[in-house]
Amino acid sequence: MIRRIYWHRDEPRGVERNYVHLVEEIGELGRAIVDGDLESIKSELADSLAWLATVANVLKVNLEEAALSKYCNVCPKCSSSPCTCP
């Protein structure tokens, strides 16, 4: 969805500038968490996820496949679900 809506703007911007936007959104999320504002937290989580997807799109990485290959229903360190790492 993010690619369909924004690719025409994201691709020319390049990975570095998209990454800067991602980091800015993570900072805004941190401020919302510190403030304890649930509506802002929800909004900033959505924005952060969108920019993460954008960075993945520009890098030509399928974010869902990457996540599933590392976190395929178990912890990647202890191979358990739920995690039993110390």
N, C-alpha and C. Protein backbone atom coordinates (compact mmCIF):
# COMPACT_ATOMS: atom_id res chain seq x y z
N MET A 1 0.83 -1.19 0.00
CA MET A 1 0.00 0.00 0.00
C MET A 1 0.87 1.25 0.00
N ILE A 2 1.89 1.28 0.87
CA ILE A 2 2.77 2.45 0.93
C ILE A 2 3.47 2.65 -0.41
N ARG A 3 3.92 1.55 -1.00
CA ARG A 3 4.58 1.66 -2.31
C ARG A 3 3.61 2.20 -3.37
N ARG A 4 2.41 1.68 -3.37
CA ARG A 4 1.42 2.12 -4.37
C ARG A 4 1.13 3.61 -4.24
N ILE A 5 1.00 4.09 -3.03
CA ILE A 5 0.63 5.48 -2.79
C ILE A 5 1.80 6.44 -2.99
N TYR A 6 3.00 6.06 -2.52
CA TYR A 6 4.09 7.03 -2.41
C TYR A 6 5.33 6.75 -3.26
N TRP A 7 5.39 5.62 -3.97
CA TRP A 7 6.61 5.26 -4.70
C TRP A 7 7.11 6.38 -5.59
N HIS A 8 6.22 7.07 -6.26
CA HIS A 8 6.62 8.14 -7.19
C HIS A 8 7.39 9.25 -6.48
N ARG A 9 7.22 9.38 -5.17
CA ARG A 9 7.96 10.38 -4.39
C ARG A 9 9.13 9.75 -3.63
N ASP A 10 8.92 8.52 -3.15
CA ASP A 10 9.94 7.88 -2.31
C ASP A 10 11.18 7.47 -3.10
N GLU A 11 10.99 6.89 -4.26
CA GLU A 11 12.12 6.38 -5.04
C GLU A 11 13.08 7.51 -5.43
N PRO A 12 12.61 8.63 -5.96
CA PRO A 12 13.55 9.71 -6.30
C PRO A 12 14.25 10.32 -5.08
N ARG A 13 13.60 10.26 -3.92
CA ARG A 13 14.17 10.82 -2.70
C ARG A 13 15.40 10.03 -2.27
N GLY A 14 15.42 8.74 -2.56
CA GLY A 14 16.57 7.91 -2.22
C GLY A 14 16.52 7.38 -0.80
N VAL A 15 17.34 6.37 -0.57
CA VAL A 15 17.31 5.67 0.70
C VAL A 15 17.76 6.55 1.86
N GLU A 16 18.78 7.37 1.65
CA GLU A 16 19.30 8.16 2.76
C GLU A 16 18.27 9.17 3.27
N ARG A 17 17.61 9.88 2.38
CA ARG A 17 16.63 10.87 2.81
C ARG A 17 15.39 10.21 3.40
N ASN A 18 14.99 9.06 2.86
CA ASN A 18 13.87 8.33 3.46
C ASN A 18 14.24 7.83 4.85
N TYR A 19 15.47 7.40 5.02
CA TYR A 19 15.93 6.94 6.33
C TYR A 19 15.89 8.09 7.35
N VAL A 20 16.26 9.28 6.93
CA VAL A 20 16.20 10.44 7.82
C VAL A 20 14.77 10.67 8.28
N HIS A 21 13.81 10.53 7.38
CA HIS A 21 12.40 10.67 7.76
C HIS A 21 12.00 9.60 8.78
N LEU A 22 12.47 8.37 8.58
CA LEU A 22 12.19 7.29 9.52
C LEU A 22 12.72 7.64 10.92
N VAL A 23 13.94 8.10 10.98
CA VAL A 23 14.55 8.45 12.27
C VAL A 23 13.78 9.60 12.93
N GLU A 24 13.35 10.57 12.14
CA GLU A 24 12.56 11.67 12.69
C GLU A 24 11.25 11.15 13.29
N GLU A 25 10.60 10.23 12.60
CA GLU A 25 9.35 9.66 13.12
C GLU A 25 9.58 8.86 14.39
N ILE A 26 10.68 8.14 14.46
CA ILE A 26 11.00 7.40 15.68
C ILE A 26 11.20 8.38 16.84
N GLY A 27 11.83 9.51 16.58
CA GLY A 27 11.98 10.54 17.60
C GLY A 27 10.64 11.08 18.06
N GLU A 28 9.73 11.31 17.12
CA GLU A 28 8.39 11.78 17.47
C GLU A 28 7.65 10.73 18.28
N LEU A 29 7.84 9.47 17.95
CA LEU A 29 7.24 8.38 18.73
C LEU A 29 7.78 8.41 20.15
N GLY A 30 9.07 8.60 20.30
CA GLY A 30 9.66 8.67 21.63
C GLY A 30 9.08 9.80 22.46
N ARG A 31 8.88 10.96 21.84
CA ARG A 31 8.27 12.08 22.55
C ARG A 31 6.85 11.76 22.97
N ALA A 32 6.09 11.11 22.09
CA ALA A 32 4.71 10.74 22.42
C ALA A 32 4.67 9.75 23.57
N ILE A 33 5.62 8.81 23.58
CA ILE A 33 5.69 7.84 24.67
C ILE A 33 6.00 8.54 25.99
N VAL A 34 6.98 9.43 25.97
CA VAL A 34 7.34 10.17 27.18
C VAL A 34 6.16 11.00 27.68
N ASP A 35 5.43 11.60 26.74
CA ASP A 35 4.26 12.40 27.11
C ASP A 35 3.09 11.55 27.57
N GLY A 36 3.09 10.27 27.23
CA GLY A 36 2.00 9.38 27.61
C GLY A 36 0.71 9.63 26.85
N ASP A 37 0.83 10.21 25.65
CA ASP A 37 -0.34 10.56 24.84
C ASP A 37 -0.67 9.40 23.90
N LEU A 38 -1.65 8.59 24.26
CA LEU A 38 -1.97 7.38 23.52
C LEU A 38 -2.34 7.65 22.07
N GLU A 39 -3.10 8.69 21.80
CA GLU A 39 -3.47 9.00 20.41
C GLU A 39 -2.25 9.38 19.59
N SER A 40 -1.34 10.15 20.17
CA SER A 40 -0.10 10.50 19.47
C SER A 40 0.78 9.27 19.28
N ILE A 41 0.81 8.40 20.28
CA ILE A 41 1.59 7.16 20.17
C ILE A 41 1.07 6.34 18.98
N LYS A 42 -0.22 6.18 18.88
CA LYS A 42 -0.80 5.42 17.76
C LYS A 42 -0.43 6.05 16.43
N SER A 43 -0.56 7.36 16.35
CA SER A 43 -0.26 8.07 15.11
C SER A 43 1.22 7.93 14.74
N GLU A 44 2.09 8.09 15.72
CA GLU A 44 3.53 8.01 15.44
C GLU A 44 3.97 6.58 15.15
N LEU A 45 3.33 5.60 15.76
CA LEU A 45 3.63 4.21 15.40
C LEU A 45 3.28 3.96 13.93
N ALA A 46 2.14 4.45 13.51
CA ALA A 46 1.73 4.29 12.11
C ALA A 46 2.69 5.01 11.18
N ASP A 47 3.09 6.23 11.53
CA ASP A 47 4.04 6.97 10.70
C ASP A 47 5.39 6.25 10.63
N SER A 48 5.85 5.75 11.77
CA SER A 48 7.13 5.04 11.81
C SER A 48 7.09 3.78 10.94
N LEU A 49 5.98 3.04 11.03
CA LEU A 49 5.83 1.84 10.21
C LEU A 49 5.82 2.19 8.73
N ALA A 50 5.14 3.27 8.38
CA ALA A 50 5.08 3.68 6.97
C ALA A 50 6.47 4.05 6.44
N TRP A 51 7.25 4.77 7.24
CA TRP A 51 8.60 5.14 6.78
C TRP A 51 9.52 3.93 6.76
N LEU A 52 9.34 2.97 7.67
CA LEU A 52 10.12 1.74 7.62
C LEU A 52 9.82 0.98 6.33
N ALA A 53 8.54 0.91 5.99
CA ALA A 53 8.14 0.26 4.73
C ALA A 53 8.74 1.01 3.54
N THR A 54 8.78 2.33 3.61
CA THR A 54 9.36 3.13 2.53
C THR A 54 10.83 2.80 2.35
N VAL A 55 11.57 2.76 3.45
CA VAL A 55 13.00 2.43 3.36
C VAL A 55 13.17 1.05 2.75
N ALA A 56 12.38 0.09 3.19
CA ALA A 56 12.45 -1.26 2.62
C ALA A 56 12.13 -1.24 1.13
N ASN A 57 11.10 -0.50 0.74
CA ASN A 57 10.73 -0.42 -0.68
C ASN A 57 11.86 0.13 -1.53
N VAL A 58 12.47 1.21 -1.08
CA VAL A 58 13.55 1.84 -1.86
C VAL A 58 14.76 0.91 -1.95
N LEU A 59 14.98 0.12 -0.91
CA LEU A 59 16.07 -0.86 -0.93
C LEU A 59 15.70 -2.15 -1.66
N LYS A 60 14.45 -2.22 -2.12
CA LYS A 60 13.92 -3.40 -2.82
C LYS A 60 13.95 -4.64 -1.93
N VAL A 61 13.59 -4.43 -0.65
CA VAL A 61 13.51 -5.51 0.33
C VAL A 61 12.04 -5.71 0.67
N ASN A 62 11.57 -6.95 0.59
CA ASN A 62 10.22 -7.26 1.00
C ASN A 62 10.21 -7.35 2.52
N LEU A 63 9.64 -6.35 3.16
CA LEU A 63 9.68 -6.25 4.62
C LEU A 63 9.01 -7.44 5.30
N GLU A 64 7.89 -7.88 4.76
CA GLU A 64 7.20 -9.03 5.35
C GLU A 64 8.06 -10.28 5.26
N GLU A 65 8.66 -10.52 4.10
CA GLU A 65 9.53 -11.70 3.96
C GLU A 65 10.73 -11.62 4.89
N ALA A 66 11.32 -10.43 5.02
CA ALA A 66 12.48 -10.27 5.90
C ALA A 66 12.10 -10.57 7.35
N ALA A 67 10.96 -10.04 7.78
CA ALA A 67 10.52 -10.27 9.16
C ALA A 67 10.22 -11.75 9.40
N LEU A 68 9.51 -12.37 8.46
CA LEU A 68 9.16 -13.78 8.64
C LEU A 68 10.37 -14.69 8.58
N SER A 69 11.38 -14.32 7.80
CA SER A 69 12.57 -15.17 7.72
C SER A 69 13.37 -15.13 9.01
N LYS A 70 13.28 -14.03 9.75
CA LYS A 70 14.00 -13.94 11.02
C LYS A 70 13.14 -14.36 12.20
N TYR A 71 11.87 -13.99 12.17
CA TYR A 71 10.96 -14.24 13.30
C TYR A 71 9.82 -15.14 12.84
N CYS A 72 10.12 -16.37 12.48
CA CYS A 72 9.11 -17.28 11.95
C CYS A 72 8.43 -18.02 13.10
N ASN A 73 7.62 -17.29 13.85
CA ASN A 73 6.82 -17.84 14.95
C ASN A 73 7.63 -18.27 16.17
N VAL A 74 8.95 -18.02 16.15
CA VAL A 74 9.78 -18.35 17.30
C VAL A 74 10.84 -17.26 17.48
N CYS A 75 11.41 -17.22 18.67
CA CYS A 75 12.53 -16.32 18.93
C CYS A 75 13.73 -16.78 18.09
N PRO A 76 14.39 -15.86 17.37
CA PRO A 76 15.52 -16.28 16.54
C PRO A 76 16.74 -16.73 17.34
N LYS A 77 16.79 -16.41 18.64
CA LYS A 77 17.94 -16.82 19.45
C LYS A 77 17.74 -18.18 20.11
N CYS A 78 16.58 -18.36 20.76
CA CYS A 78 16.37 -19.61 21.51
C CYS A 78 15.43 -20.57 20.78
N SER A 79 14.86 -20.14 19.67
CA SER A 79 13.94 -20.96 18.87
C SER A 79 12.70 -21.39 19.63
N SER A 80 12.30 -20.60 20.61
CA SER A 80 11.11 -20.92 21.40
C SER A 80 10.03 -19.86 21.24
N SER A 81 8.80 -20.28 21.53
CA SER A 81 7.68 -19.35 21.57
C SER A 81 6.76 -19.79 22.69
N PRO A 82 6.65 -19.00 23.75
CA PRO A 82 7.29 -17.71 23.91
C PRO A 82 8.79 -17.84 24.15
N CYS A 83 9.48 -16.74 23.99
CA CYS A 83 10.94 -16.69 24.15
C CYS A 83 11.32 -17.15 25.56
N THR A 84 12.38 -17.96 25.61
CA THR A 84 12.90 -18.42 26.90
C THR A 84 14.33 -17.94 27.13
N CYS A 85 14.76 -16.95 26.37
CA CYS A 85 16.11 -16.40 26.56
C CYS A 85 16.24 -15.85 27.99
N PRO A 86 17.42 -15.99 28.56
CA PRO A 86 17.62 -15.47 29.92
C PRO A 86 17.54 -13.95 29.96
